[in-house]
Amino acid sequence: MNPQVVGPYQKSSYSGHDNNCVEVAPIANGGRAVRDSKDHTRRPLGFTPAQWGIFLAYAKAEAS
């Protein structure tokens, strides 16, 4: 999937000073694009709304 990014990329507020993190942006289909914060030349990964929802649910469950 080659995501069509429609909004700005954002880093997590938990990112450290060394920028070793990922950035997330909304894409045209309502899903999200994820890229490496250190290498913007790589193509971002695209996730459908359903895939992104599953990821968020899992992340929230693991954090609690």
C-alpha atoms as a PDB file:
ATOM      1  CA  MET A   1       0.000   0.000   0.000  1.00  0.00           C
ATOM      2  CA  ASN A   2       1.376   3.390  -0.972  1.00  0.00           C
ATOM      3  CA  PRO A   3      -0.461   5.739   1.402  1.00  0.00           C
ATOM      4  CA  GLN A   4      -1.624   9.184   0.274  1.00  0.00           C
ATOM      5  CA  VAL A   5      -0.769  11.335   3.287  1.00  0.00           C
ATOM      6  CA  VAL A   6      -3.340  14.099   3.869  1.00  0.00           C
ATOM      7  CA  GLY A   7      -2.131  15.556   7.150  1.00  0.00           C
ATOM      8  CA  PRO A   8       1.079  16.318   8.998  1.00  0.00           C
ATOM      9  CA  TYR A   9       3.215  13.641  10.583  1.00  0.00           C
ATOM     10  CA  GLN A  10       3.309  13.709  14.379  1.00  0.00           C
ATOM     11  CA  LYS A  11       5.721  12.160  16.859  1.00  0.00           C
ATOM     12  CA  SER A  12       4.677  10.662  20.131  1.00  0.00           C
ATOM     13  CA  SER A  13       5.003  12.848  23.195  1.00  0.00           C
ATOM     14  CA  TYR A  14       6.959   9.912  24.652  1.00  0.00           C
ATOM     15  CA  SER A  15       9.744  10.304  22.064  1.00  0.00           C
ATOM     16  CA  GLY A  16      13.197  10.800  23.492  1.00  0.00           C
ATOM     17  CA  HIS A  17      15.808  13.394  22.594  1.00  0.00           C
ATOM     18  CA  ASP A  18      17.528  11.116  20.067  1.00  0.00           C
ATOM     19  CA  ASN A  19      14.506  10.929  17.701  1.00  0.00           C
ATOM     20  CA  ASN A  20      14.478   7.124  17.697  1.00  0.00           C
ATOM     21  CA  CYS A  21      10.774   6.828  17.062  1.00  0.00           C
ATOM     22  CA  VAL A  22       8.104   6.646  14.416  1.00  0.00           C
ATOM     23  CA  GLU A  23       5.832   9.371  13.088  1.00  0.00           C
ATOM     24  CA  VAL A  24       2.155   8.917  12.235  1.00  0.00           C
ATOM     25  CA  ALA A  25      -0.030  10.849   9.765  1.00  0.00           C
ATOM     26  CA  PRO A  26      -3.605  10.516   8.502  1.00  0.00           C
ATOM     27  CA  ILE A  27      -4.091   9.169   4.982  1.00  0.00           C
ATOM     28  CA  ALA A  28      -6.827   9.585   2.378  1.00  0.00           C
ATOM     29  CA  ASN A  29      -8.703   6.357   3.195  1.00  0.00           C
ATOM     30  CA  GLY A  30      -9.083   7.302   6.875  1.00  0.00           C
ATOM     31  CA  GLY A  31      -6.209   5.095   7.987  1.00  0.00           C
ATOM     32  CA  ARG A  32      -2.706   6.056   9.044  1.00  0.00           C
ATOM     33  CA  ALA A  33       0.782   6.196   7.548  1.00  0.00           C
ATOM     34  CA  VAL A  34       3.773   5.359   9.742  1.00  0.00           C
ATOM     35  CA  ARG A  35       7.370   6.320   8.953  1.00  0.00           C
ATOM     36  CA  ASP A  36      10.791   6.232  10.579  1.00  0.00           C
ATOM     37  CA  SER A  37      11.597   9.607  12.128  1.00  0.00           C
ATOM     38  CA  LYS A  38      15.281   9.253  11.213  1.00  0.00           C
ATOM     39  CA  ASP A  39      14.835   8.333   7.529  1.00  0.00           C
ATOM     40  CA  HIS A  40      12.147  10.223   5.621  1.00  0.00           C
ATOM     41  CA  THR A  41      13.419   8.814   2.300  1.00  0.00           C
ATOM     42  CA  ARG A  42      11.854   5.422   3.002  1.00  0.00           C
ATOM     43  CA  ARG A  43       8.279   4.872   1.893  1.00  0.00           C
ATOM     44  CA  PRO A  44       5.877   4.929   4.858  1.00  0.00           C
ATOM     45  CA  LEU A  45       3.784   1.934   5.851  1.00  0.00           C
ATOM     46  CA  GLY A  46       0.053   2.385   5.279  1.00  0.00           C
ATOM     47  CA  PHE A  47      -2.672   0.974   7.502  1.00  0.00           C
ATOM     48  CA  THR A  48      -6.406   0.851   6.812  1.00  0.00           C
ATOM     49  CA  PRO A  49      -8.762   2.258   9.452  1.00  0.00           C
ATOM     50  CA  ALA A  50      -9.556  -1.288  10.621  1.00  0.00           C
ATOM     51  CA  GLN A  51      -5.877  -2.249  10.883  1.00  0.00           C
ATOM     52  CA  TRP A  52      -5.051   0.945  12.766  1.00  0.00           C
ATOM     53  CA  GLY A  53      -7.958   0.341  15.163  1.00  0.00           C
ATOM     54  CA  ILE A  54      -6.709  -3.166  15.926  1.00  0.00           C
ATOM     55  CA  PHE A  55      -3.205  -1.842  16.576  1.00  0.00           C
ATOM     56  CA  LEU A  56      -4.487   0.881  18.930  1.00  0.00           C
ATOM     57  CA  ALA A  57      -6.688  -1.563  20.842  1.00  0.00           C
ATOM     58  CA  TYR A  58      -3.732  -3.914  21.314  1.00  0.00           C
ATOM     59  CA  ALA A  59      -1.375  -1.115  22.359  1.00  0.00           C
ATOM     60  CA  LYS A  60      -3.870   0.221  24.902  1.00  0.00           C
ATOM     61  CA  ALA A  61      -4.466  -3.255  26.327  1.00  0.00           C
ATOM     62  CA  GLU A  62      -0.731  -3.873  26.684  1.00  0.00           C
ATOM     63  CA  ALA A  63      -0.186  -0.485  28.359  1.00  0.00           C
ATOM     64  CA  SER A  64      -2.704  -1.161  31.108  1.00  0.00           C
END
